[in-house]
Amino acid sequence: MTKRWKQRPPGSTWGDWGEDDELGRINLLTPEKVLQGVREVEHGISFSLSLPLDYPGGSELNQRRYPPILRPTEDLEHKQDVFYNIKAREHFSPHLRDVWSDDVVTLWLQYSTQWDALAHQGQEFDADGDGVEEAVYYNGYRADTDIVGPQEDAKGDGSGTLGFARHLGLEHMAEHGVQGRGVLIDLAHHLGNTWQPVNLKTLQEIMAADNIVVEPGDMLLLHTGFDTAVMAWGKNPDPVGIHTTASYLDAFDPALLEWIAESQISALVSDNYAVEGVGVGPEDNTPHSLLPIHNLCLFKLGVPLGELWYLEKLAAWLREHDRSRFLLTAPPLNLPGTQGSPLTPVATV
């Protein structure tokens, strides 16, 4: 296919795995990285790393995202919302004793434990080298052409879809499998749940104290303690506390951004809302990104971001056993065209 760009952002990985690549650094999850993860399994104990998908509760965290809504499906006569506790003897045959229920869900894909797709955040960038900025995403995929919407029949199949990532959707990660070695840094153990940025100096001090080494291809998980607070609120989060609890990566520390790039991690995950702080940057009247780590990871490097994962129990077990590494299996839903996806990641130790 014709190359989509003439120049790529400085420090990006565009084209490193081919002009049509849609996986980014997930490509670093090679068979050898899977085997490295498998070698961390010593006890056969598994941890689910997902919040219940109706947490955090309400819409205080993001007013565009709501808890999932469940309702019965239609029945065989197309009556809506009724196929629940259906007694077969009343509807089909007096000789049947089956009882059936079926349901449908309205699900905001980034409400709870999730992956961000590479299609989730792009940038206005002069990829054509003609002095004019275009709305583009990782590896030069284009807004409206490759990431389509909002528009009628965005998917092109008559399904009624209004927005669809024809490229960079999470189905590519799902088909890959997303399995390999995970490494957890327990920020909460060292910093408590105080709302504070974590720069590279602090991160490396914690890694040194806990003898943590991150190698190329590892999936890096950050336990801040935000997950503990979310669970304690019981789907009724404190409207102030949900925005000011636990630590977050300091996206305005250039050294930290450089380390993320040079570390060659394949994925970056946290139990908090956005990995980085939202709306915490200094006033800047020049063109910039509101979320520099999202920009670096999703737009430039092709590093998927995991958010709102449940890491408390895994972090406690790893600390008790003086470990930081484990086998991580974390594919998103194989739902084509999405900007984000819920998942139930599993850590095995």
Protein backbone atom coordinates (compact mmCIF):
# COMPACT_ATOMS: atom_id res chain seq x y z
CA MET A 1 0.00 0.00 0.00
CA THR A 2 1.06 3.63 -0.52
CA LYS A 3 2.89 5.04 2.47
CA ARG A 4 0.55 7.21 4.54
CA TRP A 5 3.21 9.63 5.72
CA LYS A 6 6.34 11.36 4.51
CA GLN A 7 7.59 12.30 7.95
CA ARG A 8 6.92 10.79 11.31
CA PRO A 9 6.92 12.44 14.74
CA PRO A 10 10.38 12.66 16.31
CA GLY A 11 11.03 9.70 18.56
CA SER A 12 8.11 7.70 17.22
CA THR A 13 8.06 4.06 16.12
CA TRP A 14 5.97 4.65 13.00
CA GLY A 15 7.02 2.15 10.34
CA ASP A 16 9.31 0.15 12.63
CA TRP A 17 7.10 -2.93 12.16
CA GLY A 18 5.97 -2.10 8.64
CA GLU A 19 3.93 0.57 6.94
CA ASP A 20 0.63 -1.16 7.76
CA ASP A 21 1.40 -2.05 11.38
CA GLU A 22 -1.51 -1.65 13.81
CA LEU A 23 0.00 -3.24 16.93
CA GLY A 24 2.84 -0.92 17.86
CA ARG A 25 4.96 -2.21 20.71
CA ILE A 26 2.64 -5.15 21.28
CA ASN A 27 4.91 -6.58 18.55
CA LEU A 28 7.51 -6.92 21.32
CA LEU A 29 5.37 -9.63 22.95
CA THR A 30 7.19 -12.34 21.06
CA PRO A 31 7.14 -16.09 21.82
CA GLU A 32 10.27 -15.55 23.93
CA LYS A 33 8.49 -12.89 26.01
CA VAL A 34 5.61 -15.29 26.55
CA LEU A 35 8.06 -17.94 27.73
CA GLN A 36 9.66 -15.41 30.07
CA GLY A 37 6.23 -14.84 31.57
CA VAL A 38 5.56 -18.56 31.85
CA ARG A 39 8.85 -19.02 33.73
CA GLU A 40 7.49 -16.70 36.44
CA VAL A 41 4.72 -19.19 37.28
CA GLU A 42 5.83 -21.09 40.37
CA HIS A 43 2.71 -21.50 42.54
CA GLY A 44 -0.13 -21.83 40.03
CA ILE A 45 -2.06 -18.98 41.68
CA SER A 46 -4.09 -16.62 39.48
CA PHE A 47 -5.34 -13.10 40.20
CA SER A 48 -8.16 -11.39 38.33
CA LEU A 49 -7.08 -7.82 37.65
CA SER A 50 -10.50 -6.44 36.73
CA LEU A 51 -12.81 -4.29 38.77
CA PRO A 52 -16.46 -5.30 38.59
CA LEU A 53 -17.47 -3.56 35.36
CA ASP A 54 -20.15 -1.49 37.12
CA TYR A 55 -17.41 0.23 39.16
CA PRO A 56 -16.41 2.98 39.90
CA GLY A 57 -20.14 3.86 39.98
CA GLY A 58 -21.99 6.93 38.75
CA SER A 59 -20.39 9.32 36.31
CA GLU A 60 -18.30 11.49 38.63
CA LEU A 61 -15.05 10.25 37.10
CA ASN A 62 -16.08 11.03 33.53
CA GLN A 63 -19.44 12.61 32.70
CA ARG A 64 -19.46 10.95 29.25
CA ARG A 65 -19.28 7.42 30.66
CA TYR A 66 -21.97 5.59 32.60
CA PRO A 67 -22.40 2.23 34.34
CA PRO A 68 -23.54 -0.65 32.13
CA ILE A 69 -27.27 -1.14 31.64
CA LEU A 70 -28.65 -4.70 31.47
CA ARG A 71 -32.08 -5.61 30.15
CA PRO A 72 -33.80 -8.71 28.77
CA THR A 73 -33.72 -9.40 25.05
CA GLU A 74 -36.82 -9.45 22.88
CA ASP A 75 -38.88 -12.61 22.66
CA LEU A 76 -39.67 -14.69 19.58
CA GLU A 77 -42.52 -12.32 18.73
CA HIS A 78 -40.15 -9.32 18.89
CA LYS A 79 -41.60 -7.93 22.12
CA GLN A 80 -38.80 -5.89 23.62
CA ASP A 81 -37.17 -6.41 27.03
CA VAL A 82 -39.19 -9.46 28.08
CA PHE A 83 -37.13 -12.64 27.56
CA TYR A 84 -36.32 -13.30 31.23
CA ASN A 85 -37.46 -16.15 33.49
CA ILE A 86 -39.37 -17.57 30.54
CA LYS A 87 -41.12 -20.84 31.38
CA ALA A 88 -41.01 -23.01 28.28
CA ARG A 89 -44.25 -24.83 29.20
CA GLU A 90 -46.13 -21.51 29.00
CA HIS A 91 -44.69 -20.39 25.68
CA PHE A 92 -43.66 -23.45 23.69
CA SER A 93 -45.02 -26.80 24.95
CA PRO A 94 -46.73 -27.96 28.15
CA HIS A 95 -44.30 -30.86 28.23
CA LEU A 96 -41.18 -28.68 28.58
CA ARG A 97 -39.79 -27.74 31.99
CA ASP A 98 -36.99 -25.38 30.88
CA VAL A 99 -36.72 -21.85 32.21
CA TRP A 100 -34.70 -19.35 30.16
CA SER A 101 -33.25 -15.88 30.47
CA ASP A 102 -31.30 -13.85 27.93
CA ASP A 103 -29.98 -10.32 28.14
CA VAL A 104 -28.40 -7.42 26.30
CA VAL A 105 -26.05 -4.78 27.65
CA THR A 106 -25.45 -1.12 26.89
CA LEU A 107 -21.79 -0.80 27.77
CA TRP A 108 -19.55 2.25 27.80
CA LEU A 109 -16.33 0.53 26.78
CA GLN A 110 -14.02 2.73 28.86
CA TYR A 111 -16.13 2.98 32.00
CA SER A 112 -14.16 0.50 34.10
CA THR A 113 -11.12 -1.78 33.68
CA GLN A 114 -9.99 -1.15 30.11
CA TRP A 115 -7.42 -0.94 27.37
CA ASP A 116 -7.06 2.26 25.36
CA ALA A 117 -6.73 1.52 21.65
CA LEU A 118 -4.09 3.23 19.51
CA ALA A 119 -7.10 4.83 17.80
CA HIS A 120 -8.11 6.50 21.07
CA GLN A 121 -5.80 9.53 20.80
CA GLY A 122 -4.09 11.06 17.80
CA GLN A 123 -2.68 14.48 17.00
CA GLU A 124 -2.79 17.24 14.44
CA PHE A 125 0.58 16.66 12.79
CA ASP A 126 2.13 17.43 9.41
CA ALA A 127 2.58 13.84 8.27
CA ASP A 128 2.63 14.84 4.57
CA GLY A 129 5.56 17.23 4.99
CA ASP A 130 3.68 19.99 3.17
CA GLY A 131 3.45 22.42 6.08
CA VAL A 132 -0.19 21.58 6.80
CA GLU A 133 -1.19 19.62 9.89
CA GLU A 134 -3.63 16.73 9.50
CA ALA A 135 -5.56 14.79 12.15
CA VAL A 136 -3.60 11.54 12.26
CA TYR A 137 -3.11 8.58 14.56
CA TYR A 138 -0.35 6.04 15.16
CA ASN A 139 1.57 5.04 12.02
CA GLY A 140 -0.11 7.78 10.00
CA TYR A 141 -3.67 6.41 9.96
CA ARG A 142 -6.07 9.24 9.18
CA ALA A 143 -9.11 10.69 10.84
CA ASP A 144 -12.28 10.27 8.74
CA THR A 145 -10.57 7.83 6.36
CA ASP A 146 -9.31 5.19 8.80
CA ILE A 147 -10.97 6.27 12.04
CA VAL A 148 -14.45 7.11 10.77
CA GLY A 149 -17.19 9.07 12.46
CA PRO A 150 -19.43 10.33 13.66
CA GLN A 151 -21.39 9.52 10.51
CA GLU A 152 -24.13 7.24 9.27
CA ASP A 153 -22.99 3.69 8.51
CA ALA A 154 -19.42 4.37 9.61
CA LYS A 155 -18.67 0.66 9.47
CA GLY A 156 -20.03 0.35 5.93
CA ASP A 157 -22.15 -2.73 6.55
CA GLY A 158 -25.59 -1.24 7.22
CA SER A 159 -25.43 -2.12 10.92
CA GLY A 160 -26.19 1.42 12.10
CA THR A 161 -22.69 1.98 13.48
CA LEU A 162 -21.93 5.71 13.84
CA GLY A 163 -18.23 5.53 14.69
CA PHE A 164 -15.72 2.85 13.66
CA ALA A 165 -11.95 2.45 13.70
CA ARG A 166 -11.32 0.76 10.35
CA HIS A 167 -7.70 0.65 11.47
CA LEU A 168 -6.04 0.60 14.91
CA GLY A 169 -9.07 -0.99 16.60
CA LEU A 170 -8.48 -3.34 19.51
CA GLU A 171 -9.37 -6.47 17.54
CA HIS A 172 -5.71 -6.63 16.52
CA MET A 173 -4.56 -6.90 20.14
CA ALA A 174 -7.31 -9.47 20.78
CA GLU A 175 -6.11 -11.62 17.90
CA HIS A 176 -2.52 -11.32 19.12
CA GLY A 177 -3.47 -12.60 22.57
CA VAL A 178 -1.53 -10.06 24.70
CA GLN A 179 0.36 -12.49 26.89
CA GLY A 180 3.83 -12.12 28.34
CA ARG A 181 5.75 -11.00 31.39
CA GLY A 182 4.20 -8.39 33.61
CA VAL A 183 6.19 -6.27 36.06
CA LEU A 184 4.46 -4.44 38.92
CA ILE A 185 5.75 -1.33 40.69
CA ASP A 186 3.97 -0.80 44.02
CA LEU A 187 3.79 2.97 44.28
CA ALA A 188 1.11 2.77 46.98
CA HIS A 189 3.42 0.91 49.36
CA HIS A 190 5.94 3.73 49.25
CA LEU A 191 3.75 6.79 48.71
CA GLY A 192 0.39 5.94 50.29
CA ASN A 193 -2.74 7.26 48.57
CA THR A 194 -1.74 10.94 48.51
CA TRP A 195 -2.55 12.73 45.25
CA GLN A 196 0.92 13.45 43.86
CA PRO A 197 2.93 13.22 40.65
CA VAL A 198 5.65 10.60 40.32
CA ASN A 199 8.67 11.73 38.33
CA LEU A 200 11.46 9.53 37.02
CA LYS A 201 13.66 10.12 40.08
CA THR A 202 10.95 8.90 42.45
CA LEU A 203 10.03 5.99 40.19
CA GLN A 204 13.62 4.79 39.97
CA GLU A 205 14.13 5.15 43.73
CA ILE A 206 11.12 2.88 44.31
CA MET A 207 12.34 0.41 41.70
CA ALA A 208 15.77 0.31 43.34
CA ALA A 209 14.27 -0.18 46.81
CA ASP A 210 12.21 -3.13 45.57
CA ASN A 211 14.90 -4.58 43.24
CA ILE A 212 12.70 -4.13 40.17
CA VAL A 213 14.18 -4.39 36.69
CA VAL A 214 12.14 -3.60 33.57
CA GLU A 215 13.30 -5.13 30.30
CA PRO A 216 12.22 -4.61 26.66
CA GLY A 217 8.86 -6.20 25.93
CA ASP A 218 7.69 -6.25 29.55
CA MET A 219 4.20 -5.00 30.36
CA LEU A 220 4.55 -2.46 33.18
CA LEU A 221 1.83 -2.20 35.84
CA LEU A 222 1.62 0.60 38.44
CA HIS A 223 -0.24 0.03 41.70
CA THR A 224 -1.19 3.44 43.13
CA GLY A 225 -3.92 2.37 45.55
CA PHE A 226 -6.66 4.10 43.57
CA ASP A 227 -8.32 0.71 43.06
CA THR A 228 -8.62 0.23 46.83
CA ALA A 229 -10.39 3.57 47.17
CA VAL A 230 -12.74 2.80 44.28
CA MET A 231 -13.79 -0.49 45.85
CA ALA A 232 -14.21 1.12 49.28
CA TRP A 233 -16.58 3.75 47.86
CA GLY A 234 -18.92 0.94 46.82
CA LYS A 235 -20.14 2.49 43.54
CA ASN A 236 -20.79 5.80 45.31
CA PRO A 237 -17.48 7.59 44.80
CA ASP A 238 -16.55 10.73 46.66
CA PRO A 239 -16.97 13.50 44.04
CA VAL A 240 -13.77 15.23 45.14
CA GLY A 241 -11.74 12.22 46.23
CA ILE A 242 -12.19 10.38 42.96
CA HIS A 243 -10.18 13.15 41.27
CA THR A 244 -7.59 13.64 44.05
CA THR A 245 -6.68 10.18 45.34
CA ALA A 246 -3.40 8.30 44.85
CA SER A 247 -0.33 8.99 42.77
CA TYR A 248 0.04 9.31 39.02
CA LEU A 249 2.91 9.54 36.55
CA ASP A 250 4.30 13.05 36.07
CA ALA A 251 3.70 13.59 32.35
CA PHE A 252 5.54 16.91 32.53
CA ASP A 253 8.85 15.35 33.55
CA PRO A 254 10.84 15.09 30.28
CA ALA A 255 13.13 12.47 31.82
CA LEU A 256 10.18 10.21 32.60
CA LEU A 257 8.85 10.49 29.05
CA GLU A 258 12.30 9.63 27.72
CA TRP A 259 12.50 6.63 30.02
CA ILE A 260 9.11 5.31 28.86
CA ALA A 261 10.33 5.53 25.28
CA GLU A 262 13.76 4.01 25.90
CA SER A 263 12.55 1.23 28.20
CA GLN A 264 10.75 -0.45 25.28
CA ILE A 265 7.86 -1.57 27.48
CA SER A 266 5.12 -3.17 25.41
CA ALA A 267 2.23 -1.82 27.49
CA LEU A 268 1.71 0.65 30.35
CA VAL A 269 -1.01 -0.04 32.93
CA SER A 270 -2.26 1.55 36.12
CA ASP A 271 -5.08 1.09 38.60
CA ASN A 272 -5.90 4.79 38.35
CA TYR A 273 -8.02 6.75 35.90
CA ALA A 274 -5.51 7.76 33.23
CA VAL A 275 -2.00 6.60 34.24
CA GLU A 276 -1.06 10.30 34.25
CA GLY A 277 -2.82 13.19 35.98
CA VAL A 278 -5.64 14.92 34.10
CA GLY A 279 -5.65 18.71 34.00
CA VAL A 280 -2.54 19.06 36.16
CA GLY A 281 -0.09 20.57 33.67
CA PRO A 282 1.36 24.07 33.79
CA GLU A 283 -0.28 26.86 31.82
CA ASP A 284 0.98 26.69 28.26
CA ASN A 285 -0.11 28.96 25.41
CA THR A 286 1.84 27.03 22.77
CA PRO A 287 0.48 24.00 20.88
CA HIS A 288 0.68 20.97 23.19
CA SER A 289 -1.10 17.85 24.37
CA LEU A 290 -3.44 17.82 27.36
CA LEU A 291 -2.24 14.27 28.11
CA PRO A 292 1.46 13.95 27.21
CA ILE A 293 1.77 10.28 28.20
CA HIS A 294 -1.26 9.39 26.09
CA ASN A 295 0.29 11.33 23.24
CA LEU A 296 3.66 9.62 23.65
CA CYS A 297 2.31 6.11 24.09
CA LEU A 298 -0.73 5.93 21.82
CA PHE A 299 0.26 8.37 19.08
CA LYS A 300 4.04 8.08 18.87
CA LEU A 301 5.18 4.75 20.32
CA GLY A 302 2.18 2.46 19.83
CA VAL A 303 2.10 1.50 23.52
CA PRO A 304 -1.45 0.65 24.67
CA LEU A 305 -2.55 2.07 28.01
CA GLY A 306 -4.45 0.06 30.61
CA GLU A 307 -6.54 2.00 33.11
CA LEU A 308 -8.65 1.26 36.19
CA TRP A 309 -7.18 -2.22 36.68
CA TYR A 310 -7.58 -3.94 40.07
CA LEU A 311 -4.07 -4.56 41.39
CA GLU A 312 -4.42 -4.54 45.19
CA LYS A 313 -4.38 -8.31 45.81
CA LEU A 314 -1.65 -9.02 43.28
CA ALA A 315 0.54 -6.25 44.72
CA ALA A 316 0.12 -7.64 48.26
CA TRP A 317 1.01 -11.18 47.17
CA LEU A 318 4.06 -10.06 45.23
CA ARG A 319 5.33 -8.01 48.17
CA GLU A 320 4.81 -10.90 50.58
CA HIS A 321 6.86 -13.13 48.29
CA ASP A 322 9.51 -10.53 47.42
CA ARG A 323 8.59 -10.59 43.74
CA SER A 324 7.56 -8.13 41.05
CA ARG A 325 7.18 -10.34 37.95
CA PHE A 326 4.40 -12.66 36.77
CA LEU A 327 2.68 -14.07 33.71
CA LEU A 328 0.10 -11.61 32.40
CA THR A 329 -2.68 -12.56 30.01
CA ALA A 330 -4.73 -9.54 28.95
CA PRO A 331 -6.49 -9.62 25.57
CA PRO A 332 -9.25 -7.07 24.98
CA LEU A 333 -12.64 -8.04 23.58
CA ASN A 334 -12.38 -9.11 19.95
CA LEU A 335 -14.87 -6.42 18.98
CA PRO A 336 -13.69 -4.76 15.76
CA GLY A 337 -13.38 -1.02 15.47
CA THR A 338 -13.29 0.06 19.11
CA GLN A 339 -11.42 2.92 20.80
CA GLY A 340 -11.29 1.07 24.09
CA SER A 341 -12.29 -2.26 25.56
CA PRO A 342 -13.16 -3.76 28.92
CA LEU A 343 -11.23 -6.87 29.83
CA THR A 344 -10.57 -9.34 32.63
CA PRO A 345 -6.78 -9.54 32.77
CA VAL A 346 -5.26 -12.46 34.67
CA ALA A 347 -1.92 -12.52 36.47
CA THR A 348 -0.45 -15.93 37.25
CA VAL A 349 2.37 -16.43 39.75
